[in-house]
Amino acid sequence: MIKEIKTIVQNYINNEKLCNISMGTVESDGIRISEKIVIPDELIKGNLKKYTSPGDKVNLIRNHGGKEYYIFEIIDKDFIVKDSTVTLSKGGSSYKYKVEDVTK
């Protein structure tokens, strides 16, 4: 009997999809995850949200119930962050610069 209850609970958890990972494209009013579904901007959270632009491909985590989505990756977009080193080349010479501050 205990084994059957454990199986029922495990099947319920597997089918409930407590969270989900999706990929989408940023649009002006949200993120399109399919041909018919656009997640409204007010449901999208995460520190990376302010760095997205229309056309960017992003990976999202949907919480249980689908009432909140969190951007955890902007695909193929490089970032320059504070205290990183940037190498610039000009005329056959390379110059390294330490980034002291970053603004959008």
N, C-alpha and C. Protein backbone atom coordinates (compact mmCIF):
# COMPACT_ATOMS: atom_id res chain seq x y z
N MET A 1 0.82 -1.20 0.00
CA MET A 1 0.00 0.00 0.00
C MET A 1 0.87 1.26 0.00
N ILE A 2 1.94 1.28 0.80
CA ILE A 2 2.84 2.43 0.86
C ILE A 2 3.49 2.64 -0.49
N LYS A 3 3.88 1.56 -1.14
CA LYS A 3 4.53 1.66 -2.45
C LYS A 3 3.59 2.31 -3.47
N GLU A 4 2.31 1.96 -3.44
CA GLU A 4 1.33 2.53 -4.36
C GLU A 4 1.14 4.02 -4.09
N ILE A 5 1.11 4.42 -2.83
CA ILE A 5 0.96 5.83 -2.47
C ILE A 5 2.17 6.63 -2.95
N LYS A 6 3.36 6.08 -2.76
CA LYS A 6 4.57 6.75 -3.24
C LYS A 6 4.54 6.92 -4.76
N THR A 7 4.07 5.89 -5.46
CA THR A 7 3.97 5.97 -6.92
C THR A 7 2.98 7.05 -7.34
N ILE A 8 1.85 7.13 -6.67
CA ILE A 8 0.84 8.14 -6.98
C ILE A 8 1.40 9.55 -6.75
N VAL A 9 2.06 9.75 -5.62
CA VAL A 9 2.65 11.06 -5.31
C VAL A 9 3.72 11.42 -6.33
N GLN A 10 4.59 10.47 -6.67
CA GLN A 10 5.65 10.72 -7.65
C GLN A 10 5.07 11.07 -9.02
N ASN A 11 4.04 10.35 -9.45
CA ASN A 11 3.38 10.66 -10.73
C ASN A 11 2.74 12.04 -10.70
N TYR A 12 2.14 12.41 -9.59
CA TYR A 12 1.54 13.73 -9.46
C TYR A 12 2.60 14.82 -9.60
N ILE A 13 3.72 14.67 -8.90
CA ILE A 13 4.80 15.66 -8.95
C ILE A 13 5.37 15.75 -10.37
N ASN A 14 5.58 14.63 -11.02
CA ASN A 14 6.10 14.63 -12.39
C ASN A 14 5.15 15.33 -13.36
N ASN A 15 3.86 15.14 -13.19
CA ASN A 15 2.87 15.73 -14.09
C ASN A 15 2.55 17.17 -13.75
N GLU A 16 2.80 17.59 -12.53
CA GLU A 16 2.46 18.95 -12.09
C GLU A 16 3.40 19.99 -12.70
N LYS A 17 4.62 19.60 -13.08
CA LYS A 17 5.61 20.51 -13.66
C LYS A 17 5.80 21.73 -12.77
N LEU A 18 6.42 21.50 -11.64
CA LEU A 18 6.59 22.55 -10.65
C LEU A 18 7.30 23.77 -11.21
N CYS A 19 8.24 23.58 -12.09
CA CYS A 19 8.83 24.69 -12.83
C CYS A 19 9.17 24.19 -14.22
N ASN A 20 9.41 25.11 -15.12
CA ASN A 20 9.63 24.74 -16.50
C ASN A 20 10.66 25.69 -17.10
N ILE A 21 11.49 25.20 -17.99
CA ILE A 21 12.44 26.05 -18.71
C ILE A 21 11.93 26.23 -20.12
N SER A 22 11.90 27.49 -20.57
CA SER A 22 11.42 27.82 -21.91
C SER A 22 12.41 28.75 -22.58
N MET A 23 12.37 28.77 -23.91
CA MET A 23 13.15 29.73 -24.67
C MET A 23 12.18 30.64 -25.41
N GLY A 24 12.52 31.92 -25.50
CA GLY A 24 11.64 32.84 -26.18
C GLY A 24 12.40 33.98 -26.82
N THR A 25 11.66 34.83 -27.52
CA THR A 25 12.22 35.99 -28.20
C THR A 25 11.59 37.24 -27.60
N VAL A 26 12.45 38.20 -27.24
CA VAL A 26 11.97 39.44 -26.63
C VAL A 26 11.26 40.28 -27.69
N GLU A 27 10.07 40.78 -27.31
CA GLU A 27 9.31 41.71 -28.14
C GLU A 27 9.05 42.96 -27.31
N SER A 28 8.46 43.96 -27.90
CA SER A 28 8.26 45.23 -27.20
C SER A 28 7.32 45.11 -26.00
N ASP A 29 6.38 44.18 -26.04
CA ASP A 29 5.40 44.05 -24.96
C ASP A 29 5.55 42.78 -24.13
N GLY A 30 6.60 42.00 -24.36
CA GLY A 30 6.80 40.77 -23.60
C GLY A 30 7.78 39.84 -24.29
N ILE A 31 7.63 38.55 -24.00
CA ILE A 31 8.50 37.54 -24.60
C ILE A 31 7.64 36.48 -25.27
N ARG A 32 7.89 36.27 -26.54
CA ARG A 32 7.14 35.27 -27.31
C ARG A 32 7.80 33.91 -27.12
N ILE A 33 7.02 32.94 -26.60
CA ILE A 33 7.55 31.60 -26.39
C ILE A 33 6.98 30.60 -27.39
N SER A 34 5.97 31.01 -28.14
CA SER A 34 5.44 30.18 -29.22
C SER A 34 4.75 31.10 -30.21
N GLU A 35 4.27 30.52 -31.28
CA GLU A 35 3.61 31.31 -32.31
C GLU A 35 2.40 32.05 -31.75
N LYS A 36 1.72 31.45 -30.78
CA LYS A 36 0.49 32.03 -30.24
C LYS A 36 0.63 32.67 -28.86
N ILE A 37 1.72 32.39 -28.14
CA ILE A 37 1.82 32.83 -26.74
C ILE A 37 2.91 33.87 -26.55
N VAL A 38 2.51 35.04 -26.02
CA VAL A 38 3.46 36.08 -25.61
C VAL A 38 3.28 36.29 -24.11
N ILE A 39 4.36 36.13 -23.35
CA ILE A 39 4.30 36.36 -21.91
C ILE A 39 4.34 37.86 -21.68
N PRO A 40 3.34 38.42 -21.00
CA PRO A 40 3.31 39.87 -20.77
C PRO A 40 4.51 40.34 -19.95
N ASP A 41 4.96 41.54 -20.23
CA ASP A 41 6.14 42.11 -19.59
C ASP A 41 6.03 42.12 -18.06
N GLU A 42 4.84 42.31 -17.52
CA GLU A 42 4.69 42.41 -16.06
C GLU A 42 4.90 41.06 -15.35
N LEU A 43 4.89 39.96 -16.08
CA LEU A 43 5.14 38.64 -15.47
C LEU A 43 6.61 38.25 -15.53
N ILE A 44 7.44 39.06 -16.18
CA ILE A 44 8.85 38.73 -16.39
C ILE A 44 9.70 39.42 -15.34
N LYS A 45 10.55 38.65 -14.66
CA LYS A 45 11.42 39.16 -13.60
C LYS A 45 12.87 38.80 -13.91
N GLY A 46 13.78 39.32 -13.10
CA GLY A 46 15.18 38.95 -13.22
C GLY A 46 16.08 40.14 -13.50
N ASN A 47 17.30 40.04 -13.03
CA ASN A 47 18.28 41.11 -13.21
C ASN A 47 18.61 41.36 -14.68
N LEU A 48 18.50 40.34 -15.51
CA LEU A 48 18.86 40.47 -16.92
C LEU A 48 17.78 41.16 -17.75
N LYS A 49 16.60 41.33 -17.20
CA LYS A 49 15.50 41.93 -17.94
C LYS A 49 15.87 43.30 -18.49
N LYS A 50 16.59 44.10 -17.71
CA LYS A 50 16.92 45.46 -18.14
C LYS A 50 17.97 45.48 -19.26
N TYR A 51 18.62 44.34 -19.54
CA TYR A 51 19.63 44.28 -20.58
C TYR A 51 19.11 43.68 -21.88
N THR A 52 17.81 43.35 -21.94
CA THR A 52 17.27 42.75 -23.15
C THR A 52 16.81 43.82 -24.12
N SER A 53 16.83 43.45 -25.39
CA SER A 53 16.36 44.30 -26.48
C SER A 53 15.45 43.47 -27.37
N PRO A 54 14.50 44.10 -28.06
CA PRO A 54 13.66 43.32 -28.98
C PRO A 54 14.51 42.52 -29.96
N GLY A 55 14.15 41.25 -30.11
CA GLY A 55 14.88 40.34 -30.99
C GLY A 55 15.83 39.41 -30.25
N ASP A 56 16.18 39.75 -29.00
CA ASP A 56 17.07 38.89 -28.21
C ASP A 56 16.39 37.56 -27.92
N LYS A 57 17.16 36.48 -27.97
CA LYS A 57 16.69 35.15 -27.57
C LYS A 57 17.06 34.97 -26.10
N VAL A 58 16.11 34.52 -25.29
CA VAL A 58 16.34 34.35 -23.86
C VAL A 58 15.87 32.98 -23.39
N ASN A 59 16.48 32.50 -22.30
CA ASN A 59 16.01 31.31 -21.60
C ASN A 59 15.31 31.77 -20.34
N LEU A 60 14.17 31.15 -20.05
CA LEU A 60 13.33 31.53 -18.91
C LEU A 60 13.04 30.33 -18.03
N ILE A 61 12.85 30.60 -16.75
CA ILE A 61 12.30 29.60 -15.84
C ILE A 61 10.90 30.07 -15.46
N ARG A 62 9.92 29.20 -15.64
CA ARG A 62 8.54 29.50 -15.24
C ARG A 62 8.30 28.89 -13.88
N ASN A 63 7.78 29.69 -12.95
CA ASN A 63 7.49 29.12 -11.63
C ASN A 63 6.20 28.31 -11.68
N HIS A 64 5.92 27.63 -10.59
CA HIS A 64 4.72 26.81 -10.48
C HIS A 64 3.48 27.67 -10.69
N GLY A 65 2.65 27.30 -11.60
CA GLY A 65 1.43 28.04 -11.88
C GLY A 65 1.58 29.04 -13.01
N GLY A 66 2.79 29.35 -13.43
CA GLY A 66 3.00 30.23 -14.56
C GLY A 66 2.72 31.70 -14.30
N LYS A 67 2.77 32.12 -13.04
CA LYS A 67 2.47 33.52 -12.73
C LYS A 67 3.71 34.39 -12.70
N GLU A 68 4.89 33.78 -12.90
CA GLU A 68 6.13 34.54 -12.89
C GLU A 68 7.16 33.80 -13.74
N TYR A 69 7.90 34.56 -14.53
CA TYR A 69 8.97 34.02 -15.36
C TYR A 69 10.24 34.77 -15.02
N TYR A 70 11.36 34.05 -14.96
CA TYR A 70 12.64 34.63 -14.58
C TYR A 70 13.63 34.42 -15.73
N ILE A 71 14.20 35.51 -16.25
CA ILE A 71 15.21 35.40 -17.30
C ILE A 71 16.52 35.00 -16.65
N PHE A 72 17.08 33.86 -17.07
CA PHE A 72 18.37 33.46 -16.51
C PHE A 72 19.49 33.46 -17.54
N GLU A 73 19.17 33.72 -18.82
CA GLU A 73 20.22 33.78 -19.83
C GLU A 73 19.72 34.57 -21.04
N ILE A 74 20.57 35.45 -21.55
CA ILE A 74 20.35 36.07 -22.85
C ILE A 74 21.32 35.36 -23.79
N ILE A 75 20.78 34.64 -24.75
CA ILE A 75 21.58 33.77 -25.61
C ILE A 75 22.41 34.61 -26.60
N ASP A 76 23.69 34.26 -26.72
CA ASP A 76 24.62 34.89 -27.67
C ASP A 76 24.77 36.39 -27.47
N LYS A 77 24.72 36.87 -26.25
CA LYS A 77 24.95 38.28 -25.97
C LYS A 77 26.07 38.37 -24.94
N ASP A 78 27.13 39.08 -25.29
CA ASP A 78 28.26 39.23 -24.40
C ASP A 78 28.09 40.48 -23.54
N PHE A 79 28.61 40.43 -22.33
CA PHE A 79 28.52 41.55 -21.40
C PHE A 79 29.91 41.96 -20.95
N ILE A 80 30.07 43.24 -20.73
CA ILE A 80 31.29 43.76 -20.11
C ILE A 80 30.88 44.13 -18.70
N VAL A 81 31.58 43.57 -17.72
CA VAL A 81 31.23 43.81 -16.33
C VAL A 81 32.36 44.53 -15.61
N LYS A 82 32.02 45.18 -14.53
CA LYS A 82 32.99 45.90 -13.72
C LYS A 82 34.12 44.97 -13.29
N ASP A 83 35.33 45.50 -13.31
CA ASP A 83 36.57 44.80 -12.93
C ASP A 83 37.01 43.73 -13.93
N SER A 84 36.36 43.66 -15.09
CA SER A 84 36.85 42.73 -16.12
C SER A 84 37.91 43.42 -16.96
N THR A 85 38.62 42.67 -17.77
CA THR A 85 39.65 43.22 -18.65
C THR A 85 39.19 43.07 -20.09
N VAL A 86 39.31 44.17 -20.85
CA VAL A 86 38.91 44.19 -22.25
C VAL A 86 40.16 44.40 -23.08
N THR A 87 40.30 43.62 -24.15
CA THR A 87 41.43 43.77 -25.06
C THR A 87 40.94 44.39 -26.37
N LEU A 88 41.55 45.51 -26.75
CA LEU A 88 41.21 46.18 -28.00
C LEU A 88 42.42 46.14 -28.91
N SER A 89 42.17 45.93 -30.20
CA SER A 89 43.26 45.88 -31.18
C SER A 89 43.10 47.00 -32.18
N LYS A 90 44.23 47.63 -32.51
CA LYS A 90 44.22 48.70 -33.52
C LYS A 90 45.58 48.76 -34.17
N GLY A 91 45.59 48.70 -35.50
CA GLY A 91 46.84 48.82 -36.24
C GLY A 91 47.89 47.78 -35.89
N GLY A 92 47.48 46.57 -35.58
CA GLY A 92 48.42 45.51 -35.25
C GLY A 92 48.85 45.48 -33.79
N SER A 93 48.44 46.47 -33.01
CA SER A 93 48.78 46.51 -31.58
C SER A 93 47.55 46.16 -30.75
N SER A 94 47.78 45.53 -29.61
CA SER A 94 46.70 45.19 -28.69
C SER A 94 46.86 45.98 -27.40
N TYR A 95 45.75 46.45 -26.89
CA TYR A 95 45.74 47.22 -25.65
C TYR A 95 44.76 46.58 -24.69
N LYS A 96 45.17 46.42 -23.43
CA LYS A 96 44.29 45.86 -22.41
C LYS A 96 43.85 46.97 -21.47
N TYR A 97 42.56 46.98 -21.18
CA TYR A 97 41.98 47.98 -20.29
C TYR A 97 41.19 47.27 -19.19
N LYS A 98 41.31 47.75 -17.97
CA LYS A 98 40.50 47.23 -16.88
C LYS A 98 39.23 48.10 -16.80
N VAL A 99 38.09 47.45 -16.78
CA VAL A 99 36.81 48.15 -16.73
C VAL A 99 36.56 48.58 -15.29
N GLU A 100 36.42 49.88 -15.08
CA GLU A 100 36.20 50.41 -13.74
C GLU A 100 34.73 50.66 -13.43
N ASP A 101 33.95 50.95 -14.46
CA ASP A 101 32.52 51.20 -14.25
C ASP A 101 31.78 50.84 -15.53
N VAL A 102 30.56 50.42 -15.38
CA VAL A 102 29.74 50.02 -16.53
C VAL A 102 28.37 50.66 -16.40
N THR A 103 27.89 51.25 -17.49
CA THR A 103 26.53 51.77 -17.54
C THR A 103 25.87 51.21 -18.78
N LYS A 104 24.58 51.19 -18.77
CA LYS A 104 23.84 50.66 -19.91
C LYS A 104 23.79 51.66 -21.02
